[in-house]
């Protein structure tokens, strides 16, 4: 995919001439989508960033901090990739250590019976797609009902809104999905 800065013509001319480089922020491609919405989710109100993160967890570990409403992918060397997430609302937050047991692109959604008891208006099953609340990707956590998944409601990132799952923008969940594998350790901190 060829991408260019969403910038003045002079900057584009320099880039076309090979005199510039492009960053991920604010890029436009020729498919008519921007780097802040190619999966239909919109930009995260909490931008993804590389941060200092001194820890004893091994590189590749995912650490979810429900209090901060952030997810960290440990990179090593005292750094991590930090993502904004939506977490469980009061009464639905939890902690523990699990592993990613499955990964799915554009997953179907079948609300668990506990959720249907609280919300009988929900569909019994929903095929994967842009309108699906699980979004573009899902990573299933152990034998729990919980997942790290995308969302079609990017405005909920950074808030306590879910029934215990961890929501990310579709772009962020696709990025994380490509960096982790089945078997990855996920540490959920609920302080």
Protein backbone atom coordinates (compact mmCIF):
# COMPACT_ATOMS: atom_id res chain seq x y z
CA UNK A 1 0.00 0.00 0.00
CA UNK A 2 1.43 3.38 -0.96
CA UNK A 3 0.97 6.05 1.71
CA UNK A 4 1.62 9.79 1.81
CA UNK A 5 1.54 12.48 4.49
CA UNK A 6 -1.73 14.34 4.86
CA UNK A 7 0.35 17.53 4.55
CA UNK A 8 0.95 20.49 2.23
CA UNK A 9 1.80 19.88 -1.41
CA UNK A 10 5.45 20.84 -0.86
CA UNK A 11 5.90 18.14 1.76
CA UNK A 12 4.23 15.62 -0.55
CA UNK A 13 6.56 16.61 -3.38
CA UNK A 14 9.58 16.04 -1.13
CA UNK A 15 8.25 12.65 -0.13
CA UNK A 16 7.59 11.67 -3.75
CA UNK A 17 11.10 12.78 -4.63
CA UNK A 18 12.49 10.54 -1.90
CA UNK A 19 13.65 13.43 0.27
CA UNK A 20 11.31 12.70 3.16
CA UNK A 21 10.11 9.85 5.26
CA UNK A 22 6.63 9.08 6.46
CA UNK A 23 5.44 8.45 9.97
CA UNK A 24 2.42 6.34 10.94
CA UNK A 25 0.48 9.34 12.24
CA UNK A 26 -1.67 11.22 9.77
CA UNK A 27 -0.92 9.11 6.70
CA UNK A 28 -3.35 8.66 3.82
CA UNK A 29 -3.30 5.76 1.39
CA UNK A 30 -4.77 5.55 -2.08
CA UNK A 31 -7.60 3.25 -0.99
CA UNK A 32 -9.27 6.31 0.52
CA UNK A 33 -8.79 5.37 4.14
CA UNK A 34 -6.62 6.96 6.79
CA UNK A 35 -4.34 5.39 9.36
CA UNK A 36 -6.95 6.30 11.97
CA UNK A 37 -9.83 4.34 10.54
CA UNK A 38 -8.95 1.56 8.10
CA UNK A 39 -10.81 -1.02 10.20
CA UNK A 40 -13.78 1.20 10.83
CA UNK A 41 -13.03 1.94 14.46
CA UNK A 42 -11.78 5.50 14.48
CA UNK A 43 -8.79 6.79 16.39
CA UNK A 44 -8.20 5.81 19.98
CA UNK A 45 -8.65 8.56 22.54
CA UNK A 46 -5.55 6.97 24.16
CA UNK A 47 -2.86 6.73 21.46
CA UNK A 48 -0.58 3.68 21.33
CA UNK A 49 2.98 4.49 22.35
CA UNK A 50 6.28 2.94 23.38
CA UNK A 51 7.00 3.73 27.03
CA UNK A 52 9.56 2.97 29.70
CA UNK A 53 8.28 -0.06 31.62
CA UNK A 54 10.79 -1.63 34.00
CA UNK A 55 9.43 -5.06 34.92
CA UNK A 56 10.41 -8.62 35.69
CA UNK A 57 7.91 -9.99 33.15
CA UNK A 58 9.48 -11.64 30.12
CA UNK A 59 9.39 -9.88 26.75
CA UNK A 60 6.19 -10.82 24.94
CA UNK A 61 4.08 -10.86 28.11
CA UNK A 62 0.84 -8.89 27.99
CA UNK A 63 0.11 -6.95 31.20
CA UNK A 64 -3.37 -5.48 31.65
CA UNK A 65 -3.61 -2.77 34.32
CA UNK A 66 -7.32 -2.29 34.97
CA UNK A 67 -6.74 0.69 37.28
CA UNK A 68 -4.78 2.57 34.61
CA UNK A 69 -7.03 1.24 31.84
CA UNK A 70 -3.93 0.39 29.84
CA UNK A 71 -2.53 -2.76 28.29
CA UNK A 72 1.23 -3.23 28.03
CA UNK A 73 3.09 -5.56 25.68
CA UNK A 74 6.49 -6.04 27.33
CA UNK A 75 9.25 -5.44 24.78
CA UNK A 76 12.28 -5.93 27.00
CA UNK A 77 15.06 -3.48 27.75
CA UNK A 78 12.77 -1.70 30.21
CA UNK A 79 10.21 -0.80 27.52
CA UNK A 80 6.69 -1.78 26.57
CA UNK A 81 4.14 -0.91 23.96
CA UNK A 82 1.22 0.78 25.75
CA UNK A 83 -2.35 0.67 24.47
CA UNK A 84 -5.50 2.32 25.80
CA UNK A 85 -8.26 -0.14 26.72
CA UNK A 86 -11.80 -0.21 28.01
CA UNK A 87 -12.18 -2.37 31.12
CA UNK A 88 -14.97 -3.96 33.14
CA UNK A 89 -17.30 -1.62 34.94
CA UNK A 90 -17.74 -1.85 38.74
CA UNK A 91 -18.47 -5.42 39.75
CA UNK A 92 -16.99 -6.86 36.53
CA UNK A 93 -13.26 -6.20 36.96
CA UNK A 94 -11.05 -9.17 37.72
CA UNK A 95 -7.40 -10.17 37.99
CA UNK A 96 -5.24 -13.21 37.39
CA UNK A 97 -2.83 -14.87 35.00
CA UNK A 98 -4.00 -16.65 31.87
CA UNK A 99 -2.70 -17.50 28.44
CA UNK A 100 -4.10 -16.63 25.05
CA UNK A 101 -5.80 -19.87 24.02
CA UNK A 102 -7.26 -18.77 20.67
CA UNK A 103 -7.08 -15.89 18.22
CA UNK A 104 -9.79 -15.00 15.72
CA UNK A 105 -10.15 -12.40 12.98
CA UNK A 106 -13.59 -10.80 12.71
CA UNK A 107 -14.97 -13.21 15.33
CA UNK A 108 -18.61 -14.16 15.70
CA UNK A 109 -20.19 -13.18 19.02
CA UNK A 110 -22.49 -15.31 21.13
CA UNK A 111 -23.28 -13.46 24.36
CA UNK A 112 -22.86 -15.71 27.42
CA UNK A 113 -26.00 -16.70 29.35
CA UNK A 114 -25.02 -14.40 32.24
CA UNK A 115 -24.99 -11.42 29.88
CA UNK A 116 -28.26 -12.43 28.26
CA UNK A 117 -29.87 -12.64 31.71
CA UNK A 118 -28.85 -9.00 32.32
CA UNK A 119 -29.58 -7.87 28.77
CA UNK A 120 -32.33 -9.96 27.15
CA UNK A 121 -32.44 -7.44 24.27
CA UNK A 122 -29.08 -8.67 22.94
CA UNK A 123 -28.93 -10.91 19.89
CA UNK A 124 -28.37 -14.62 20.59
CA UNK A 125 -25.62 -14.74 17.95
CA UNK A 126 -23.96 -12.20 15.70
CA UNK A 127 -21.70 -12.93 12.72
CA UNK A 128 -18.31 -11.23 12.65
CA UNK A 129 -18.06 -7.86 10.95
CA UNK A 130 -17.79 -4.15 11.50
CA UNK A 131 -21.04 -3.97 13.51
CA UNK A 132 -20.04 -6.85 15.79
CA UNK A 133 -19.09 -5.68 19.33
CA UNK A 134 -15.97 -7.90 19.30
CA UNK A 135 -14.55 -5.85 16.46
CA UNK A 136 -11.78 -6.84 14.08
CA UNK A 137 -9.85 -9.31 16.27
CA UNK A 138 -10.27 -11.27 19.49
CA UNK A 139 -7.78 -13.07 21.71
CA UNK A 140 -9.42 -15.53 24.11
CA UNK A 141 -8.08 -15.80 27.66
CA UNK A 142 -7.76 -19.30 29.06
CA UNK A 143 -10.98 -21.04 30.02
CA UNK A 144 -12.61 -17.72 31.00
CA UNK A 145 -15.46 -15.98 29.21
CA UNK A 146 -13.14 -12.99 28.71
CA UNK A 147 -11.25 -11.70 25.71
CA UNK A 148 -9.05 -8.91 24.54
CA UNK A 149 -11.01 -7.68 21.54
CA UNK A 150 -11.68 -4.81 19.20
CA UNK A 151 -14.60 -2.48 19.48
CA UNK A 152 -16.98 -0.59 17.24
CA UNK A 153 -17.16 2.07 20.00
CA UNK A 154 -13.71 3.72 20.11
CA UNK A 155 -15.02 6.43 22.44
CA UNK A 156 -15.20 3.81 25.24
CA UNK A 157 -11.42 3.32 25.31
CA UNK A 158 -10.05 4.52 28.64
CA UNK A 159 -13.36 3.88 30.40
CA UNK A 160 -14.91 1.17 32.60
CA UNK A 161 -17.71 -0.05 30.35
CA UNK A 162 -17.51 -3.78 29.65
CA UNK A 163 -18.69 -6.96 31.33
CA UNK A 164 -15.08 -7.96 32.03
CA UNK A 165 -13.48 -8.09 28.58
CA UNK A 166 -10.76 -5.69 27.51
CA UNK A 167 -11.73 -3.47 24.59
CA UNK A 168 -9.31 -1.85 22.18
CA UNK A 169 -9.80 0.11 18.99
CA UNK A 170 -9.85 -2.14 15.95
CA UNK A 171 -6.52 -0.71 14.81
CA UNK A 172 -4.86 -1.32 18.18
CA UNK A 173 -6.27 -4.84 18.54
CA UNK A 174 -5.08 -5.69 15.02
CA UNK A 175 -1.62 -4.40 15.93
CA UNK A 176 -1.49 -6.44 19.16
CA UNK A 177 -2.94 -9.50 17.39
CA UNK A 178 -0.03 -9.46 14.95
CA UNK A 179 2.51 -9.30 17.79
CA UNK A 180 1.26 -12.10 20.07
CA UNK A 181 0.59 -15.79 19.60
CA UNK A 182 -1.49 -18.52 21.15
CA UNK A 183 0.23 -19.35 24.43
CA UNK A 184 1.20 -15.76 25.26
CA UNK A 185 0.97 -15.05 28.99
CA UNK A 186 -1.56 -12.38 29.97
CA UNK A 187 -1.28 -10.88 33.46
CA UNK A 188 -4.37 -8.96 34.58
CA UNK A 189 -3.68 -6.58 37.46
CA UNK A 190 -6.78 -5.39 39.33
CA UNK A 191 -5.49 -3.21 42.16
